[in-house]
Each structure stands twice: as structure tokens, then as C-alpha cells.
Amino acid sequence: MAPTQTKPDESGLKAILHSLIPMRKSFTQLYLHCAWATWDRLPLITPDIQQVI
């Protein structure tokens, strides 16, 4: 008679923890929007500098 293989027991503390802790996900999204301005909206880019830019 061949020995039978059994699954590890999923009862007890391991089963409780498995049901309480969600599975980690490897996908992350990050949306970042940055906006800035000079004090009193001073026009710091002069026509001479604008040509270079």
C-alpha cells in the first residue's frame, strides 16, 4: 500500500491570519502635479532670455 500525501492543515491561526491580511499588490500609481509662480507674478524671463530658452 502506497503512503498517502496530505495537504498541510489550513486550520487554526494560519487560516485566521490569511483571511485577515490582504495579499500585497505589486502595482502602484502615483500622480503628482506641481505648479509654482514667482512672487506677485513677476516677469523674470526677459525677451533676451526668452530667445535663449
Protein backbone atom coordinates (compact mmCIF):
# COMPACT_ATOMS: atom_id res chain seq x y z
CA MET A 1 0.00 0.00 0.00
CA ALA A 2 1.47 3.40 -1.02
CA PRO A 3 1.60 6.16 1.59
CA THR A 4 -0.92 8.94 1.05
CA GLN A 5 0.16 12.53 0.90
CA THR A 6 -1.87 15.05 2.81
CA LYS A 7 -2.07 18.81 2.48
CA PRO A 8 -0.80 20.93 5.30
CA ASP A 9 -3.55 21.83 7.74
CA GLU A 10 -5.06 25.22 6.88
CA SER A 11 -6.99 25.49 10.09
CA GLY A 12 -6.15 27.48 13.17
CA LEU A 13 -4.07 30.62 13.43
CA LYS A 14 -2.65 30.39 9.91
CA ALA A 15 -6.13 30.37 8.35
CA ILE A 16 -7.25 33.29 10.50
CA LEU A 17 -4.22 35.40 9.59
CA HIS A 18 -4.57 34.53 5.92
CA SER A 19 -8.18 35.73 5.90
CA LEU A 20 -7.42 38.97 7.79
CA ILE A 21 -4.28 40.15 5.98
CA PRO A 22 -4.90 41.11 2.35
CA MET A 23 -2.49 39.92 -0.30
CA ARG A 24 0.10 42.51 -1.27
CA LYS A 25 -0.10 44.03 -4.71
CA SER A 26 2.94 44.87 -6.77
CA PHE A 27 1.34 47.67 -8.81
CA THR A 28 1.49 51.28 -7.62
CA GLN A 29 0.36 54.51 -9.23
CA LEU A 30 1.47 57.98 -8.23
CA TYR A 31 0.01 61.12 -9.73
CA LEU A 32 1.92 64.31 -8.96
CA HIS A 33 1.04 67.80 -10.14
CA CYS A 34 3.38 70.68 -9.31
CA ALA A 35 2.66 74.31 -10.03
CA TRP A 36 4.66 77.33 -8.95
CA ALA A 37 4.91 81.01 -9.69
CA THR A 38 7.10 83.97 -8.81
CA TRP A 39 6.20 86.48 -6.12
CA ASP A 40 3.44 88.77 -7.47
CA ARG A 41 3.83 87.02 -10.83
CA LEU A 42 6.95 89.00 -11.68
CA PRO A 43 8.02 88.53 -15.30
CA LEU A 44 11.54 87.21 -14.70
CA ILE A 45 12.00 85.92 -18.27
CA THR A 46 13.05 88.90 -20.31
CA PRO A 47 12.90 88.91 -24.14
CA ASP A 48 16.70 88.38 -24.25
CA ILE A 49 16.48 85.28 -22.05
CA GLN A 50 13.40 84.02 -23.89
CA GLN A 51 15.37 83.82 -27.15
CA VAL A 52 17.93 81.55 -25.47
CA ILE A 53 15.28 79.35 -23.94
